[in-house]
């Protein structure tokens, strides 16, 4: 399987890293192109993939072609490479607010299109992503794509009308988690724990908490209640978070990403 990339920025590079880390493809079977020489050189140095001279070369090479450019550039890029995309090539587009209908229109002809909304944890094999497809992608082809995507995280096929919302929940939220981790670490440092050890402790705590929810299948509220002993320390912390609208603020932050995505 030959894999091409047009766009080697943070998310494109993260997907490449996830593919190589999961041994889903050999580096010699991956070709990438980016308009930025600095970005291209960085990805080539880090992952050792082949670099294309332009987007046309990457498109002609690929059985599966990832397009990971900014939303405002998607239509232009797809229109330009349309003659180079083979009939059986699957184009995986990573961009919010670009519907399958718009992508088809940019190509100007029938093309197999998959929309993918991953997040940066794909780099370490723990990504979370929503996926949808157009009518030209067969069940067998979609199964092949899902096998690839699940190799660097958890992929869920959903209706296209929800795909941009997935971007807000999954693609953007790691930034909020990192802010939460930083705040937890700062509180540990304030208590006198060295910063390096603080980062390790809080990161493992968040990782373990997420794994506990996934593996037990318990509702997060039930898991929270397991920790909140009557009159104890944890419920006091929960009280403070609720006083400052912790959950409401998170909901508002995710809604803001939804609203922004619709403007792009």
C-alpha atoms as a PDB file:
ATOM      1  CA  UNK A   1       0.000   0.000   0.000  1.00  0.00           C
ATOM      2  CA  UNK A   2       1.428   3.345  -1.115  1.00  0.00           C
ATOM      3  CA  UNK A   3       0.515   6.328   1.070  1.00  0.00           C
ATOM      4  CA  UNK A   4       0.836   9.951   0.020  1.00  0.00           C
ATOM      5  CA  UNK A   5       0.610  13.159   2.019  1.00  0.00           C
ATOM      6  CA  UNK A   6      -0.019  16.679   0.817  1.00  0.00           C
ATOM      7  CA  UNK A   7       0.520  18.850   3.872  1.00  0.00           C
ATOM      8  CA  UNK A   8       3.125  17.900   6.463  1.00  0.00           C
ATOM      9  CA  UNK A   9       2.157  20.246   9.286  1.00  0.00           C
ATOM     10  CA  UNK A  10       1.375  19.166  12.838  1.00  0.00           C
ATOM     11  CA  UNK A  11      -1.546  16.876  12.065  1.00  0.00           C
ATOM     12  CA  UNK A  12      -0.093  15.427   8.856  1.00  0.00           C
ATOM     13  CA  UNK A  13       3.201  14.717  10.594  1.00  0.00           C
ATOM     14  CA  UNK A  14       1.363  13.196  13.559  1.00  0.00           C
ATOM     15  CA  UNK A  15      -0.485  10.768  11.276  1.00  0.00           C
ATOM     16  CA  UNK A  16       2.808   9.801   9.596  1.00  0.00           C
ATOM     17  CA  UNK A  17       4.333   9.216  13.021  1.00  0.00           C
ATOM     18  CA  UNK A  18       1.359   7.079  14.036  1.00  0.00           C
ATOM     19  CA  UNK A  19       1.570   4.983  10.877  1.00  0.00           C
ATOM     20  CA  UNK A  20       5.286   4.350  11.299  1.00  0.00           C
ATOM     21  CA  UNK A  21       5.049   3.748  15.045  1.00  0.00           C
ATOM     22  CA  UNK A  22       2.337   1.158  14.446  1.00  0.00           C
ATOM     23  CA  UNK A  23       4.365  -0.414  11.609  1.00  0.00           C
ATOM     24  CA  UNK A  24       1.387  -0.001   9.304  1.00  0.00           C
ATOM     25  CA  UNK A  25       3.609   0.936   6.369  1.00  0.00           C
ATOM     26  CA  UNK A  26       7.302   1.169   5.584  1.00  0.00           C
ATOM     27  CA  UNK A  27       8.795   4.664   5.381  1.00  0.00           C
ATOM     28  CA  UNK A  28       9.759   3.955   1.759  1.00  0.00           C
ATOM     29  CA  UNK A  29       6.062   3.488   0.962  1.00  0.00           C
ATOM     30  CA  UNK A  30       5.182   6.965   2.205  1.00  0.00           C
ATOM     31  CA  UNK A  31       5.679  10.068   0.071  1.00  0.00           C
ATOM     32  CA  UNK A  32       4.962  13.559   1.347  1.00  0.00           C
ATOM     33  CA  UNK A  33       4.896  17.109   0.077  1.00  0.00           C
ATOM     34  CA  UNK A  34       4.525  20.468   1.781  1.00  0.00           C
ATOM     35  CA  UNK A  35       4.842  23.960   0.398  1.00  0.00           C
ATOM     36  CA  UNK A  36       7.129  24.859   3.314  1.00  0.00           C
ATOM     37  CA  UNK A  37      10.721  23.716   2.844  1.00  0.00           C
ATOM     38  CA  UNK A  38      11.342  24.035   6.580  1.00  0.00           C
ATOM     39  CA  UNK A  39       8.392  21.761   7.386  1.00  0.00           C
ATOM     40  CA  UNK A  40       9.408  19.291   4.680  1.00  0.00           C
ATOM     41  CA  UNK A  41      12.978  19.063   5.929  1.00  0.00           C
ATOM     42  CA  UNK A  42      11.801  18.588   9.515  1.00  0.00           C
ATOM     43  CA  UNK A  43       9.479  15.693   8.614  1.00  0.00           C
ATOM     44  CA  UNK A  44      12.091  14.074   6.372  1.00  0.00           C
ATOM     45  CA  UNK A  45      14.696  14.302   9.133  1.00  0.00           C
ATOM     46  CA  UNK A  46      12.330  12.935  11.785  1.00  0.00           C
ATOM     47  CA  UNK A  47      10.678  10.104   9.849  1.00  0.00           C
ATOM     48  CA  UNK A  48      12.869   9.407   6.814  1.00  0.00           C
ATOM     49  CA  UNK A  49       9.947   9.324   4.374  1.00  0.00           C
ATOM     50  CA  UNK A  50      10.335  10.089   0.696  1.00  0.00           C
ATOM     51  CA  UNK A  51       9.698  13.696  -0.333  1.00  0.00           C
ATOM     52  CA  UNK A  52       7.795  14.552  -3.497  1.00  0.00           C
ATOM     53  CA  UNK A  53       8.755  17.431  -5.763  1.00  0.00           C
ATOM     54  CA  UNK A  54       5.151  18.667  -5.701  1.00  0.00           C
ATOM     55  CA  UNK A  55       1.580  17.664  -4.919  1.00  0.00           C
ATOM     56  CA  UNK A  56       1.150  16.099  -8.346  1.00  0.00           C
ATOM     57  CA  UNK A  57       3.883  13.554  -7.637  1.00  0.00           C
ATOM     58  CA  UNK A  58       2.420  12.675  -4.237  1.00  0.00           C
ATOM     59  CA  UNK A  59      -1.030  12.207  -5.788  1.00  0.00           C
ATOM     60  CA  UNK A  60       0.233   9.990  -8.616  1.00  0.00           C
ATOM     61  CA  UNK A  61       2.151   7.822  -6.116  1.00  0.00           C
ATOM     62  CA  UNK A  62      -0.632   7.137  -3.629  1.00  0.00           C
ATOM     63  CA  UNK A  63      -3.172   4.366  -3.197  1.00  0.00           C
ATOM     64  CA  UNK A  64      -4.360   6.348  -0.165  1.00  0.00           C
ATOM     65  CA  UNK A  65      -3.727  10.091  -0.324  1.00  0.00           C
ATOM     66  CA  UNK A  66      -3.979  12.199   2.832  1.00  0.00           C
ATOM     67  CA  UNK A  67      -4.682  15.875   2.180  1.00  0.00           C
ATOM     68  CA  UNK A  68      -3.875  17.838   5.329  1.00  0.00           C
ATOM     69  CA  UNK A  69      -3.842  21.506   4.351  1.00  0.00           C
ATOM     70  CA  UNK A  70      -5.640  24.507   5.823  1.00  0.00           C
ATOM     71  CA  UNK A  71      -9.388  24.599   5.034  1.00  0.00           C
ATOM     72  CA  UNK A  72      -9.088  27.709   2.884  1.00  0.00           C
ATOM     73  CA  UNK A  73      -6.561  25.963   0.626  1.00  0.00           C
ATOM     74  CA  UNK A  74      -8.348  22.622   0.231  1.00  0.00           C
ATOM     75  CA  UNK A  75     -10.416  23.422  -2.869  1.00  0.00           C
ATOM     76  CA  UNK A  76      -7.429  24.838  -4.752  1.00  0.00           C
ATOM     77  CA  UNK A  77      -5.206  21.875  -3.906  1.00  0.00           C
ATOM     78  CA  UNK A  78      -7.829  19.280  -4.890  1.00  0.00           C
ATOM     79  CA  UNK A  79      -8.608  21.043  -8.144  1.00  0.00           C
ATOM     80  CA  UNK A  80      -4.902  21.167  -9.003  1.00  0.00           C
ATOM     81  CA  UNK A  81      -4.191  17.481  -8.326  1.00  0.00           C
ATOM     82  CA  UNK A  82      -7.460  16.144  -9.757  1.00  0.00           C
ATOM     83  CA  UNK A  83      -5.877  14.875 -13.028  1.00  0.00           C
ATOM     84  CA  UNK A  84      -3.223  13.004 -11.006  1.00  0.00           C
ATOM     85  CA  UNK A  85      -5.605  11.068  -8.726  1.00  0.00           C
ATOM     86  CA  UNK A  86      -6.196   7.579 -10.088  1.00  0.00           C
ATOM     87  CA  UNK A  87      -9.655   6.029 -10.290  1.00  0.00           C
ATOM     88  CA  UNK A  88      -9.018   3.649  -7.360  1.00  0.00           C
ATOM     89  CA  UNK A  89      -7.117   6.092  -5.160  1.00  0.00           C
ATOM     90  CA  UNK A  90      -8.830   6.947  -1.871  1.00  0.00           C
ATOM     91  CA  UNK A  91      -8.443  10.595  -0.899  1.00  0.00           C
ATOM     92  CA  UNK A  92      -8.501  11.139   2.859  1.00  0.00           C
ATOM     93  CA  UNK A  93      -9.179  14.786   3.594  1.00  0.00           C
ATOM     94  CA  UNK A  94      -8.319  16.253   6.986  1.00  0.00           C
ATOM     95  CA  UNK A  95      -9.995  19.657   7.246  1.00  0.00           C
ATOM     96  CA  UNK A  96     -12.978  21.040   9.123  1.00  0.00           C
ATOM     97  CA  UNK A  97     -15.965  22.613   7.388  1.00  0.00           C
ATOM     98  CA  UNK A  98     -15.303  21.112   3.977  1.00  0.00           C
ATOM     99  CA  UNK A  99     -18.189  18.818   3.124  1.00  0.00           C
ATOM    100  CA  UNK A 100     -17.909  15.809   0.877  1.00  0.00           C
ATOM    101  CA  UNK A 101     -20.073  17.666  -1.660  1.00  0.00           C
ATOM    102  CA  UNK A 102     -17.589  20.573  -1.678  1.00  0.00           C
ATOM    103  CA  UNK A 103     -14.649  18.186  -2.012  1.00  0.00           C
ATOM    104  CA  UNK A 104     -16.318  16.392  -4.928  1.00  0.00           C
ATOM    105  CA  UNK A 105     -16.970  19.722  -6.582  1.00  0.00           C
ATOM    106  CA  UNK A 106     -13.321  20.738  -6.199  1.00  0.00           C
ATOM    107  CA  UNK A 107     -12.194  17.578  -7.964  1.00  0.00           C
ATOM    108  CA  UNK A 108     -14.682  18.121 -10.772  1.00  0.00           C
ATOM    109  CA  UNK A 109     -15.185  14.385 -11.216  1.00  0.00           C
ATOM    110  CA  UNK A 110     -16.135  11.309  -9.154  1.00  0.00           C
ATOM    111  CA  UNK A 111     -13.385  10.519  -6.631  1.00  0.00           C
ATOM    112  CA  UNK A 112     -13.329   8.183  -3.635  1.00  0.00           C
ATOM    113  CA  UNK A 113     -13.329  10.535  -0.628  1.00  0.00           C
ATOM    114  CA  UNK A 114     -13.001   9.884   3.095  1.00  0.00           C
ATOM    115  CA  UNK A 115     -13.172  12.683   5.650  1.00  0.00           C
ATOM    116  CA  UNK A 116     -11.019  12.102   8.722  1.00  0.00           C
ATOM    117  CA  UNK A 117     -10.927  14.207  11.884  1.00  0.00           C
ATOM    118  CA  UNK A 118      -7.976  12.942  13.984  1.00  0.00           C
ATOM    119  CA  UNK A 119      -6.191  14.511  16.938  1.00  0.00           C
ATOM    120  CA  UNK A 120      -2.477  14.799  17.672  1.00  0.00           C
ATOM    121  CA  UNK A 121      -2.301  11.742  20.019  1.00  0.00           C
ATOM    122  CA  UNK A 122      -2.233   9.659  16.805  1.00  0.00           C
ATOM    123  CA  UNK A 123       1.507  10.311  17.050  1.00  0.00           C
ATOM    124  CA  UNK A 124       1.723   7.885  19.991  1.00  0.00           C
ATOM    125  CA  UNK A 125      -0.883   5.439  18.742  1.00  0.00           C
ATOM    126  CA  UNK A 126      -3.684   6.810  20.926  1.00  0.00           C
ATOM    127  CA  UNK A 127      -5.558   9.055  18.541  1.00  0.00           C
ATOM    128  CA  UNK A 128      -9.302   9.522  18.449  1.00  0.00           C
ATOM    129  CA  UNK A 129     -10.980  10.280  15.157  1.00  0.00           C
ATOM    130  CA  UNK A 130     -14.299  10.511  13.388  1.00  0.00           C
ATOM    131  CA  UNK A 131     -14.608   9.166   9.837  1.00  0.00           C
ATOM    132  CA  UNK A 132     -17.138   9.419   7.020  1.00  0.00           C
ATOM    133  CA  UNK A 133     -17.086   8.600   3.306  1.00  0.00           C
ATOM    134  CA  UNK A 134     -18.814   9.270   0.023  1.00  0.00           C
ATOM    135  CA  UNK A 135     -20.771   6.785  -2.040  1.00  0.00           C
ATOM    136  CA  UNK A 136     -17.796   5.849  -4.220  1.00  0.00           C
ATOM    137  CA  UNK A 137     -15.902   4.229  -1.340  1.00  0.00           C
ATOM    138  CA  UNK A 138     -16.898   0.566  -1.074  1.00  0.00           C
ATOM    139  CA  UNK A 139     -17.368  -1.294   2.200  1.00  0.00           C
ATOM    140  CA  UNK A 140     -14.184  -3.229   1.500  1.00  0.00           C
ATOM    141  CA  UNK A 141     -12.205  -0.046   0.868  1.00  0.00           C
ATOM    142  CA  UNK A 142     -13.631   1.576   3.984  1.00  0.00           C
ATOM    143  CA  UNK A 143     -12.671  -1.490   6.024  1.00  0.00           C
ATOM    144  CA  UNK A 144      -9.113  -1.119   4.733  1.00  0.00           C
ATOM    145  CA  UNK A 145      -9.083   2.560   5.709  1.00  0.00           C
ATOM    146  CA  UNK A 146     -10.509   1.837   9.161  1.00  0.00           C
ATOM    147  CA  UNK A 147      -7.875  -0.828   9.730  1.00  0.00           C
ATOM    148  CA  UNK A 148      -5.217   1.763   8.920  1.00  0.00           C
ATOM    149  CA  UNK A 149      -6.790   4.456  11.107  1.00  0.00           C
ATOM    150  CA  UNK A 150      -7.326   2.096  14.041  1.00  0.00           C
ATOM    151  CA  UNK A 151      -3.650   1.230  13.853  1.00  0.00           C
ATOM    152  CA  UNK A 152      -2.818   4.605  15.382  1.00  0.00           C
ATOM    153  CA  UNK A 153      -5.831   5.152  17.604  1.00  0.00           C
ATOM    154  CA  UNK A 154      -9.584   4.662  17.763  1.00  0.00           C
ATOM    155  CA  UNK A 155     -11.591   5.487  14.628  1.00  0.00           C
ATOM    156  CA  UNK A 156     -15.390   5.715  14.594  1.00  0.00           C
ATOM    157  CA  UNK A 157     -17.414   5.944  11.381  1.00  0.00           C
ATOM    158  CA  UNK A 158     -20.184   8.500  11.870  1.00  0.00           C
ATOM    159  CA  UNK A 159     -22.651  10.487   9.787  1.00  0.00           C
ATOM    160  CA  UNK A 160     -21.062  13.425   8.016  1.00  0.00           C
ATOM    161  CA  UNK A 161     -23.346  15.923   9.758  1.00  0.00           C
ATOM    162  CA  UNK A 162     -21.432  15.182  12.995  1.00  0.00           C
ATOM    163  CA  UNK A 163     -17.893  15.224  11.601  1.00  0.00           C
ATOM    164  CA  UNK A 164     -17.102  18.883  12.341  1.00  0.00           C
ATOM    165  CA  UNK A 165     -18.447  18.443  15.870  1.00  0.00           C
ATOM    166  CA  UNK A 166     -15.959  15.587  16.310  1.00  0.00           C
ATOM    167  CA  UNK A 167     -13.247  18.094  15.443  1.00  0.00           C
ATOM    168  CA  UNK A 168     -14.349  20.215  18.400  1.00  0.00           C
ATOM    169  CA  UNK A 169     -14.661  17.313  20.826  1.00  0.00           C
ATOM    170  CA  UNK A 170     -11.625  15.256  19.824  1.00  0.00           C
ATOM    171  CA  UNK A 171      -9.267  17.278  17.651  1.00  0.00           C
ATOM    172  CA  UNK A 172      -9.295  20.472  19.735  1.00  0.00           C
ATOM    173  CA  UNK A 173      -9.802  19.072  23.230  1.00  0.00           C
ATOM    174  CA  UNK A 174      -6.255  17.748  23.745  1.00  0.00           C
ATOM    175  CA  UNK A 175      -5.276  21.417  24.039  1.00  0.00           C
ATOM    176  CA  UNK A 176      -7.709  21.761  26.959  1.00  0.00           C
ATOM    177  CA  UNK A 177      -6.384  18.543  28.508  1.00  0.00           C
ATOM    178  CA  UNK A 178      -2.827  19.872  28.273  1.00  0.00           C
ATOM    179  CA  UNK A 179      -3.934  23.098  29.974  1.00  0.00           C
ATOM    180  CA  UNK A 180      -5.555  21.002  32.713  1.00  0.00           C
ATOM    181  CA  UNK A 181      -2.367  18.938  33.074  1.00  0.00           C
ATOM    182  CA  UNK A 182      -0.278  22.084  33.308  1.00  0.00           C
ATOM    183  CA  UNK A 183      -2.559  23.485  35.996  1.00  0.00           C
ATOM    184  CA  UNK A 184      -2.430  20.221  37.980  1.00  0.00           C
ATOM    185  CA  UNK A 185       1.357  20.186  37.708  1.00  0.00           C
ATOM    186  CA  UNK A 186       1.563  23.802  38.854  1.00  0.00           C
ATOM    187  CA  UNK A 187      -0.498  22.905  41.914  1.00  0.00           C
ATOM    188  CA  UNK A 188       1.898  20.046  42.645  1.00  0.00           C
ATOM    189  CA  UNK A 189       4.874  22.399  42.283  1.00  0.00           C
ATOM    190  CA  UNK A 190       3.158  24.870  44.615  1.00  0.00           C
ATOM    191  CA  UNK A 191       2.978  22.058  47.174  1.00  0.00           C
ATOM    192  CA  UNK A 192       6.739  21.541  46.842  1.00  0.00           C
ATOM    193  CA  UNK A 193       6.955  18.597  44.400  1.00  0.00           C
ATOM    194  CA  UNK A 194       9.695  19.074  41.755  1.00  0.00           C
ATOM    195  CA  UNK A 195       8.317  20.074  38.346  1.00  0.00           C
ATOM    196  CA  UNK A 196       9.637  17.071  36.397  1.00  0.00           C
ATOM    197  CA  UNK A 197       8.076  14.638  38.846  1.00  0.00           C
ATOM    198  CA  UNK A 198       4.882  16.741  38.907  1.00  0.00           C
ATOM    199  CA  UNK A 199       4.428  16.395  35.148  1.00  0.00           C
ATOM    200  CA  UNK A 200       4.955  12.632  35.335  1.00  0.00           C
ATOM    201  CA  UNK A 201       2.487  12.207  38.189  1.00  0.00           C
ATOM    202  CA  UNK A 202      -0.334  14.268  36.672  1.00  0.00           C
ATOM    203  CA  UNK A 203       0.083  12.808  33.168  1.00  0.00           C
ATOM    204  CA  UNK A 204      -0.165   9.260  34.497  1.00  0.00           C
ATOM    205  CA  UNK A 205      -3.175  10.254  36.594  1.00  0.00           C
ATOM    206  CA  UNK A 206      -5.065  11.534  33.549  1.00  0.00           C
ATOM    207  CA  UNK A 207      -3.981   8.560  31.436  1.00  0.00           C
ATOM    208  CA  UNK A 208      -5.060   6.095  34.117  1.00  0.00           C
ATOM    209  CA  UNK A 209      -8.382   7.856  34.669  1.00  0.00           C
ATOM    210  CA  UNK A 210      -9.264   7.701  30.969  1.00  0.00           C
ATOM    211  CA  UNK A 211      -8.238   4.047  30.773  1.00  0.00           C
ATOM    212  CA  UNK A 212     -10.338   3.229  33.844  1.00  0.00           C
ATOM    213  CA  UNK A 213     -13.422   4.721  32.208  1.00  0.00           C
ATOM    214  CA  UNK A 214     -12.836   2.943  28.885  1.00  0.00           C
ATOM    215  CA  UNK A 215     -12.069  -0.465  30.372  1.00  0.00           C
ATOM    216  CA  UNK A 216     -14.773  -0.539  33.051  1.00  0.00           C
ATOM    217  CA  UNK A 217     -17.457   1.068  30.901  1.00  0.00           C
ATOM    218  CA  UNK A 218     -18.639   2.970  33.962  1.00  0.00           C
ATOM    219  CA  UNK A 219     -20.229   6.399  33.668  1.00  0.00           C
ATOM    220  CA  UNK A 220     -17.716   9.168  34.527  1.00  0.00           C
ATOM    221  CA  UNK A 221     -20.087  10.432  37.196  1.00  0.00           C
ATOM    222  CA  UNK A 222     -20.069   7.019  38.868  1.00  0.00           C
ATOM    223  CA  UNK A 223     -16.258   6.935  38.808  1.00  0.00           C
ATOM    224  CA  UNK A 224     -16.155  10.432  40.283  1.00  0.00           C
ATOM    225  CA  UNK A 225     -18.510   9.364  43.082  1.00  0.00           C
ATOM    226  CA  UNK A 226     -16.232   6.402  43.890  1.00  0.00           C
ATOM    227  CA  UNK A 227     -13.500   8.893  44.821  1.00  0.00           C
ATOM    228  CA  UNK A 228     -15.670  11.441  46.630  1.00  0.00           C
ATOM    229  CA  UNK A 229     -15.960  10.117  50.170  1.00  0.00           C
ATOM    230  CA  UNK A 230     -18.553  11.874  52.374  1.00  0.00           C
ATOM    231  CA  UNK A 231     -16.961  14.888  54.032  1.00  0.00           C
ATOM    232  CA  UNK A 232     -13.646  14.066  52.349  1.00  0.00           C
ATOM    233  CA  UNK A 233     -10.977  16.021  50.514  1.00  0.00           C
ATOM    234  CA  UNK A 234     -12.017  15.211  46.946  1.00  0.00           C
ATOM    235  CA  UNK A 235     -15.599  16.402  47.287  1.00  0.00           C
ATOM    236  CA  UNK A 236     -14.240  19.681  48.637  1.00  0.00           C
ATOM    237  CA  UNK A 237     -12.184  20.102  45.470  1.00  0.00           C
ATOM    238  CA  UNK A 238     -15.239  19.235  43.364  1.00  0.00           C
ATOM    239  CA  UNK A 239     -17.199  21.913  45.229  1.00  0.00           C
ATOM    240  CA  UNK A 240     -14.624  24.547  44.288  1.00  0.00           C
ATOM    241  CA  UNK A 241     -14.636  23.464  40.631  1.00  0.00           C
ATOM    242  CA  UNK A 242     -18.433  23.653  40.533  1.00  0.00           C
ATOM    243  CA  UNK A 243     -18.378  27.110  42.137  1.00  0.00           C
ATOM    244  CA  UNK A 244     -16.259  28.244  39.192  1.00  0.00           C
ATOM    245  CA  UNK A 245     -18.505  26.567  36.580  1.00  0.00           C
ATOM    246  CA  UNK A 246     -15.887  23.990  35.602  1.00  0.00           C
ATOM    247  CA  UNK A 247     -18.205  21.807  33.527  1.00  0.00           C
ATOM    248  CA  UNK A 248     -20.086  24.742  32.032  1.00  0.00           C
ATOM    249  CA  UNK A 249     -16.829  26.382  30.993  1.00  0.00           C
ATOM    250  CA  UNK A 250     -15.654  23.198  29.258  1.00  0.00           C
ATOM    251  CA  UNK A 251     -18.975  22.913  27.425  1.00  0.00           C
ATOM    252  CA  UNK A 252     -18.757  26.560  26.353  1.00  0.00           C
ATOM    253  CA  UNK A 253     -15.174  26.062  25.121  1.00  0.00           C
ATOM    254  CA  UNK A 254     -16.155  23.093  22.946  1.00  0.00           C
ATOM    255  CA  UNK A 255     -19.196  24.972  21.620  1.00  0.00           C
ATOM    256  CA  UNK A 256     -16.886  27.833  20.650  1.00  0.00           C
ATOM    257  CA  UNK A 257     -14.879  25.418  18.500  1.00  0.00           C
ATOM    258  CA  UNK A 258     -18.104  24.205  16.856  1.00  0.00           C
ATOM    259  CA  UNK A 259     -19.099  27.787  16.060  1.00  0.00           C
ATOM    260  CA  UNK A 260     -15.650  28.676  14.717  1.00  0.00           C
ATOM    261  CA  UNK A 261     -15.542  25.570  12.511  1.00  0.00           C
ATOM    262  CA  UNK A 262     -18.771  26.637  10.817  1.00  0.00           C
ATOM    263  CA  UNK A 263     -17.142  29.970   9.883  1.00  0.00           C
ATOM    264  CA  UNK A 264     -14.130  28.420   8.138  1.00  0.00           C
END
